[in-house]
Amino acid sequence: MTKAKTARGLIAGLLVSMALVGCTNTPIAESTNANANAANAANAGKDANANASGVNGANSSSNKVAPVEVKTADATGVQPAASVSRLVYFAFDSYVISDEFASVIEANANFLKANRGSRVSIEGNTDELGSREYNIALGQQRAEAVRRALSLLGVQEGQMEAVSFGEEKPAVPGGDAQSRSQNRRAFINYR
């Protein structure tokens, strides 16, 4: 009888272990190489101001997540000049801010330090690869990376909020490498 209970316990433990392994949030490998992703991200950065207007408007009708209302300007209506980019793009499966976006972070930090009444919501986004849970977590890490960089440059913590939309708000629809590279971003949204 003891051997039967032990065998059932081992089988039950094995089934639980297999179920847990099946639930991991392992990212899906992208089919294109890293050099193509870097080139796409660089090209996407050139079109940052053109894409900024589409960040909040693209929302699929098949989404099961309720839309989030985010204000677009603070009470004073002060926002940086249109020439100041508010987009930071990331490499596939990364939340490391590349050197090419240091000037974007610095320009926004300078504006926020000069306008202490301004508030921003830093919106982390991902492409559609990976599970919903993984993408929400990665989007949050991207938003937090930008928030930390702004903070290190002297922006007050109370001026910033980091949120993640994961894959739910693509800037560019489509499943090709170019579209995915433009969706891996953090958007500095002045409220």
C-alpha atoms as a PDB file:
ATOM      1  CA  MET A   1       0.000   0.000   0.000  1.00  0.00           C
ATOM      2  CA  THR A   2       2.838   2.400   0.799  1.00  0.00           C
ATOM      3  CA  LYS A   3       4.488   1.797  -2.573  1.00  0.00           C
ATOM      4  CA  ALA A   4       1.202   2.549  -4.358  1.00  0.00           C
ATOM      5  CA  LYS A   5       0.789   5.843  -2.473  1.00  0.00           C
ATOM      6  CA  THR A   6       4.395   6.778  -3.221  1.00  0.00           C
ATOM      7  CA  ALA A   7       3.941   5.996  -6.922  1.00  0.00           C
ATOM      8  CA  ARG A   8       0.712   8.054  -7.054  1.00  0.00           C
ATOM      9  CA  GLY A   9       2.483  10.914  -5.280  1.00  0.00           C
ATOM     10  CA  LEU A  10       5.353  10.824  -7.766  1.00  0.00           C
ATOM     11  CA  ILE A  11       2.953  10.757 -10.713  1.00  0.00           C
ATOM     12  CA  ALA A  12       0.939  13.657  -9.285  1.00  0.00           C
ATOM     13  CA  GLY A  13       4.134  15.634  -8.683  1.00  0.00           C
ATOM     14  CA  LEU A  14       5.312  14.903 -12.219  1.00  0.00           C
ATOM     15  CA  LEU A  15       1.993  16.087 -13.674  1.00  0.00           C
ATOM     16  CA  VAL A  16       2.123  19.306 -11.648  1.00  0.00           C
ATOM     17  CA  SER A  17       5.730  19.896 -12.758  1.00  0.00           C
ATOM     18  CA  MET A  18       4.812  19.350 -16.404  1.00  0.00           C
ATOM     19  CA  ALA A  19       1.876  21.744 -16.091  1.00  0.00           C
ATOM     20  CA  LEU A  20       4.104  24.415 -14.573  1.00  0.00           C
ATOM     21  CA  VAL A  21       6.718  24.003 -17.299  1.00  0.00           C
ATOM     22  CA  GLY A  22       3.977  24.428 -19.913  1.00  0.00           C
ATOM     23  CA  CYS A  23       2.998  27.744 -18.301  1.00  0.00           C
ATOM     24  CA  THR A  24       6.385  29.428 -18.485  1.00  0.00           C
ATOM     25  CA  ASN A  25       6.630  32.729 -20.312  1.00  0.00           C
ATOM     26  CA  THR A  26       9.565  31.903 -22.538  1.00  0.00           C
ATOM     27  CA  PRO A  27       9.874  34.538 -25.260  1.00  0.00           C
ATOM     28  CA  ILE A  28       9.474  33.465 -28.865  1.00  0.00           C
ATOM     29  CA  ALA A  29      12.573  33.870 -31.004  1.00  0.00           C
ATOM     30  CA  GLU A  30      12.205  36.337 -33.822  1.00  0.00           C
ATOM     31  CA  SER A  31      12.900  34.975 -37.292  1.00  0.00           C
ATOM     32  CA  THR A  32      15.063  37.890 -38.453  1.00  0.00           C
ATOM     33  CA  ASN A  33      18.607  38.554 -37.361  1.00  0.00           C
ATOM     34  CA  ALA A  34      19.750  41.197 -34.893  1.00  0.00           C
ATOM     35  CA  ASN A  35      21.356  43.409 -37.567  1.00  0.00           C
ATOM     36  CA  ALA A  36      18.055  43.755 -39.425  1.00  0.00           C
ATOM     37  CA  ASN A  37      16.339  44.644 -36.145  1.00  0.00           C
ATOM     38  CA  ALA A  38      18.918  47.330 -35.378  1.00  0.00           C
ATOM     39  CA  ALA A  39      18.515  48.828 -38.842  1.00  0.00           C
ATOM     40  CA  ASN A  40      14.743  48.764 -38.534  1.00  0.00           C
ATOM     41  CA  ALA A  41      14.867  50.431 -35.134  1.00  0.00           C
ATOM     42  CA  ALA A  42      17.163  53.136 -36.495  1.00  0.00           C
ATOM     43  CA  ASN A  43      14.816  53.757 -39.419  1.00  0.00           C
ATOM     44  CA  ALA A  44      11.861  53.808 -37.060  1.00  0.00           C
ATOM     45  CA  GLY A  45      13.608  56.453 -34.946  1.00  0.00           C
ATOM     46  CA  LYS A  46      13.824  58.756 -37.976  1.00  0.00           C
ATOM     47  CA  ASP A  47      10.042  58.596 -38.331  1.00  0.00           C
ATOM     48  CA  ALA A  48       9.403  59.093 -34.606  1.00  0.00           C
ATOM     49  CA  ASN A  49       7.411  62.312 -34.910  1.00  0.00           C
ATOM     50  CA  ALA A  50       5.312  60.911 -37.753  1.00  0.00           C
ATOM     51  CA  ASN A  51       4.459  57.832 -35.696  1.00  0.00           C
ATOM     52  CA  ALA A  52       3.731  59.700 -32.458  1.00  0.00           C
ATOM     53  CA  SER A  53       0.214  60.603 -33.552  1.00  0.00           C
ATOM     54  CA  GLY A  54      -0.657  56.957 -34.235  1.00  0.00           C
ATOM     55  CA  VAL A  55       0.478  55.548 -30.894  1.00  0.00           C
ATOM     56  CA  ASN A  56      -2.817  55.999 -29.085  1.00  0.00           C
ATOM     57  CA  GLY A  57      -5.149  55.510 -32.054  1.00  0.00           C
ATOM     58  CA  ALA A  58      -4.339  51.948 -33.123  1.00  0.00           C
ATOM     59  CA  ASN A  59      -6.504  49.542 -31.201  1.00  0.00           C
ATOM     60  CA  SER A  60      -7.790  46.256 -32.561  1.00  0.00           C
ATOM     61  CA  SER A  61     -11.465  45.447 -32.192  1.00  0.00           C
ATOM     62  CA  SER A  62     -10.481  41.953 -31.038  1.00  0.00           C
ATOM     63  CA  ASN A  63      -8.793  43.253 -27.863  1.00  0.00           C
ATOM     64  CA  LYS A  64     -10.225  41.886 -24.653  1.00  0.00           C
ATOM     65  CA  VAL A  65      -8.628  44.589 -22.523  1.00  0.00           C
ATOM     66  CA  ALA A  66     -10.679  47.656 -21.665  1.00  0.00           C
ATOM     67  CA  PRO A  67      -9.221  50.858 -23.137  1.00  0.00           C
ATOM     68  CA  VAL A  68      -7.292  53.133 -20.812  1.00  0.00           C
ATOM     69  CA  GLU A  69      -7.919  56.865 -20.965  1.00  0.00           C
ATOM     70  CA  VAL A  70      -4.693  58.856 -20.767  1.00  0.00           C
ATOM     71  CA  LYS A  71      -4.765  62.643 -20.728  1.00  0.00           C
ATOM     72  CA  THR A  72      -2.609  64.322 -23.374  1.00  0.00           C
ATOM     73  CA  ALA A  73      -1.580  67.541 -21.577  1.00  0.00           C
ATOM     74  CA  ASP A  74      -1.144  68.771 -18.021  1.00  0.00           C
ATOM     75  CA  ALA A  75      -3.284  71.497 -16.497  1.00  0.00           C
ATOM     76  CA  THR A  76      -1.009  74.169 -17.947  1.00  0.00           C
ATOM     77  CA  GLY A  77      -0.984  72.565 -21.407  1.00  0.00           C
ATOM     78  CA  VAL A  78       2.820  72.844 -21.559  1.00  0.00           C
ATOM     79  CA  GLN A  79       4.467  70.339 -23.884  1.00  0.00           C
ATOM     80  CA  PRO A  80       7.906  70.177 -25.491  1.00  0.00           C
ATOM     81  CA  ALA A  81       8.494  71.547 -28.971  1.00  0.00           C
ATOM     82  CA  ALA A  82       7.391  69.316 -31.832  1.00  0.00           C
ATOM     83  CA  SER A  83      11.057  68.823 -32.741  1.00  0.00           C
ATOM     84  CA  VAL A  84      11.653  66.931 -29.472  1.00  0.00           C
ATOM     85  CA  SER A  85      11.098  63.230 -30.079  1.00  0.00           C
ATOM     86  CA  ARG A  86       9.153  61.368 -27.415  1.00  0.00           C
ATOM     87  CA  LEU A  87       9.833  57.842 -28.705  1.00  0.00           C
ATOM     88  CA  VAL A  88      12.535  55.420 -27.598  1.00  0.00           C
ATOM     89  CA  TYR A  89      12.846  52.196 -29.603  1.00  0.00           C
ATOM     90  CA  PHE A  90      14.214  48.909 -28.274  1.00  0.00           C
ATOM     91  CA  ALA A  91      15.856  45.824 -29.728  1.00  0.00           C
ATOM     92  CA  PHE A  92      13.966  42.532 -29.783  1.00  0.00           C
ATOM     93  CA  ASP A  93      13.368  41.084 -26.299  1.00  0.00           C
ATOM     94  CA  SER A  94      15.297  43.933 -24.635  1.00  0.00           C
ATOM     95  CA  TYR A  95      14.664  46.861 -22.349  1.00  0.00           C
ATOM     96  CA  VAL A  96      18.156  48.342 -22.654  1.00  0.00           C
ATOM     97  CA  ILE A  97      18.142  51.916 -23.962  1.00  0.00           C
ATOM     98  CA  SER A  98      20.647  52.156 -26.809  1.00  0.00           C
ATOM     99  CA  ASP A  99      23.052  55.089 -27.080  1.00  0.00           C
ATOM    100  CA  GLU A 100      21.245  56.465 -30.136  1.00  0.00           C
ATOM    101  CA  PHE A 101      18.288  57.453 -27.908  1.00  0.00           C
ATOM    102  CA  ALA A 102      20.339  59.209 -25.220  1.00  0.00           C
ATOM    103  CA  SER A 103      19.582  62.574 -26.850  1.00  0.00           C
ATOM    104  CA  VAL A 104      15.831  61.841 -26.748  1.00  0.00           C
ATOM    105  CA  ILE A 105      16.024  61.048 -23.027  1.00  0.00           C
ATOM    106  CA  GLU A 106      18.178  64.109 -22.352  1.00  0.00           C
ATOM    107  CA  ALA A 107      15.909  66.512 -24.291  1.00  0.00           C
ATOM    108  CA  ASN A 108      12.823  65.296 -22.434  1.00  0.00           C
ATOM    109  CA  ALA A 109      14.650  65.415 -19.086  1.00  0.00           C
ATOM    110  CA  ASN A 110      15.719  69.013 -19.726  1.00  0.00           C
ATOM    111  CA  PHE A 111      12.161  69.984 -20.612  1.00  0.00           C
ATOM    112  CA  LEU A 112      10.691  68.278 -17.534  1.00  0.00           C
ATOM    113  CA  LYS A 113      13.277  69.886 -15.222  1.00  0.00           C
ATOM    114  CA  ALA A 114      12.486  73.316 -16.658  1.00  0.00           C
ATOM    115  CA  ASN A 115       8.718  72.692 -16.385  1.00  0.00           C
ATOM    116  CA  ARG A 116       8.212  71.074 -12.971  1.00  0.00           C
ATOM    117  CA  GLY A 117       4.422  71.265 -13.400  1.00  0.00           C
ATOM    118  CA  SER A 118       4.515  68.933 -16.407  1.00  0.00           C
ATOM    119  CA  ARG A 119       3.754  65.255 -15.904  1.00  0.00           C
ATOM    120  CA  VAL A 120       4.455  62.305 -18.168  1.00  0.00           C
ATOM    121  CA  SER A 121       3.151  58.818 -18.542  1.00  0.00           C
ATOM    122  CA  ILE A 122       5.883  56.617 -19.989  1.00  0.00           C
ATOM    123  CA  GLU A 123       4.088  53.945 -22.008  1.00  0.00           C
ATOM    124  CA  GLY A 124       6.014  50.717 -22.625  1.00  0.00           C
ATOM    125  CA  ASN A 125       5.033  48.705 -25.699  1.00  0.00           C
ATOM    126  CA  THR A 126       6.088  45.465 -27.389  1.00  0.00           C
ATOM    127  CA  ASP A 127       5.554  43.630 -30.638  1.00  0.00           C
ATOM    128  CA  GLU A 128       3.088  40.729 -30.805  1.00  0.00           C
ATOM    129  CA  LEU A 129       5.674  37.978 -30.296  1.00  0.00           C
ATOM    130  CA  GLY A 130       5.553  36.240 -26.929  1.00  0.00           C
ATOM    131  CA  SER A 131       2.686  35.650 -24.520  1.00  0.00           C
ATOM    132  CA  ARG A 132       0.416  38.439 -23.317  1.00  0.00           C
ATOM    133  CA  GLU A 133       1.852  38.196 -19.788  1.00  0.00           C
ATOM    134  CA  TYR A 134       5.441  38.282 -21.032  1.00  0.00           C
ATOM    135  CA  ASN A 135       4.729  41.326 -23.213  1.00  0.00           C
ATOM    136  CA  ILE A 136       3.059  43.240 -20.367  1.00  0.00           C
ATOM    137  CA  ALA A 137       6.117  42.570 -18.188  1.00  0.00           C
ATOM    138  CA  LEU A 138       8.558  43.545 -20.966  1.00  0.00           C
ATOM    139  CA  GLY A 139       6.589  46.723 -21.726  1.00  0.00           C
ATOM    140  CA  GLN A 140       6.747  47.642 -18.034  1.00  0.00           C
ATOM    141  CA  GLN A 141      10.515  47.045 -17.975  1.00  0.00           C
ATOM    142  CA  ARG A 142      10.904  49.332 -21.002  1.00  0.00           C
ATOM    143  CA  ALA A 143       8.816  52.071 -19.391  1.00  0.00           C
ATOM    144  CA  GLU A 144      10.757  51.711 -16.122  1.00  0.00           C
ATOM    145  CA  ALA A 145      14.092  51.907 -17.972  1.00  0.00           C
ATOM    146  CA  VAL A 146      13.099  55.260 -19.493  1.00  0.00           C
ATOM    147  CA  ARG A 147      11.728  56.470 -16.127  1.00  0.00           C
ATOM    148  CA  ARG A 148      15.010  55.563 -14.399  1.00  0.00           C
ATOM    149  CA  ALA A 149      17.052  57.318 -17.104  1.00  0.00           C
ATOM    150  CA  LEU A 150      14.960  60.485 -16.741  1.00  0.00           C
ATOM    151  CA  SER A 151      15.290  60.262 -12.970  1.00  0.00           C
ATOM    152  CA  LEU A 152      19.077  59.958 -13.191  1.00  0.00           C
ATOM    153  CA  LEU A 153      19.076  63.179 -15.228  1.00  0.00           C
ATOM    154  CA  GLY A 154      17.228  65.029 -12.449  1.00  0.00           C
ATOM    155  CA  VAL A 155      13.522  64.650 -13.264  1.00  0.00           C
ATOM    156  CA  GLN A 156      11.407  64.432 -10.101  1.00  0.00           C
ATOM    157  CA  GLU A 157       9.779  61.050  -9.439  1.00  0.00           C
ATOM    158  CA  GLY A 158       6.389  62.722  -8.954  1.00  0.00           C
ATOM    159  CA  GLN A 159       6.452  63.945 -12.551  1.00  0.00           C
ATOM    160  CA  MET A 160       6.613  60.440 -14.027  1.00  0.00           C
ATOM    161  CA  GLU A 161       4.490  57.335 -14.195  1.00  0.00           C
ATOM    162  CA  ALA A 162       5.540  54.118 -15.970  1.00  0.00           C
ATOM    163  CA  VAL A 163       2.798  51.976 -17.526  1.00  0.00           C
ATOM    164  CA  SER A 164       2.772  49.018 -19.888  1.00  0.00           C
ATOM    165  CA  PHE A 165       0.447  48.367 -22.790  1.00  0.00           C
ATOM    166  CA  GLY A 166       2.387  45.285 -23.920  1.00  0.00           C
ATOM    167  CA  GLU A 167       1.288  44.403 -27.430  1.00  0.00           C
ATOM    168  CA  GLU A 168      -2.168  46.012 -27.070  1.00  0.00           C
ATOM    169  CA  LYS A 169      -1.417  49.375 -28.739  1.00  0.00           C
ATOM    170  CA  PRO A 170       0.679  48.774 -31.834  1.00  0.00           C
ATOM    171  CA  ALA A 171       1.960  51.899 -33.587  1.00  0.00           C
ATOM    172  CA  VAL A 172       2.119  49.992 -36.864  1.00  0.00           C
ATOM    173  CA  PRO A 173      -0.127  47.018 -37.679  1.00  0.00           C
ATOM    174  CA  GLY A 174       1.470  44.023 -39.337  1.00  0.00           C
ATOM    175  CA  GLY A 175       3.622  41.041 -38.520  1.00  0.00           C
ATOM    176  CA  ASP A 176       6.705  41.841 -40.620  1.00  0.00           C
ATOM    177  CA  ALA A 177      10.071  42.757 -39.102  1.00  0.00           C
ATOM    178  CA  GLN A 178       9.716  46.474 -39.942  1.00  0.00           C
ATOM    179  CA  SER A 179       6.330  46.720 -38.181  1.00  0.00           C
ATOM    180  CA  ARG A 180       7.528  44.784 -35.156  1.00  0.00           C
ATOM    181  CA  SER A 181      10.593  47.036 -34.786  1.00  0.00           C
ATOM    182  CA  GLN A 182       8.369  50.136 -34.649  1.00  0.00           C
ATOM    183  CA  ASN A 183       6.132  48.559 -32.002  1.00  0.00           C
ATOM    184  CA  ARG A 184       9.019  47.855 -29.597  1.00  0.00           C
ATOM    185  CA  ARG A 185       9.015  51.264 -27.978  1.00  0.00           C
ATOM    186  CA  ALA A 186       8.424  53.514 -25.007  1.00  0.00           C
ATOM    187  CA  PHE A 187       6.367  56.647 -25.638  1.00  0.00           C
ATOM    188  CA  ILE A 188       6.782  59.670 -23.356  1.00  0.00           C
ATOM    189  CA  ASN A 189       3.205  60.964 -23.174  1.00  0.00           C
ATOM    190  CA  TYR A 190       2.842  64.446 -21.695  1.00  0.00           C
ATOM    191  CA  ARG A 191      -0.369  64.769 -19.663  1.00  0.00           C
END
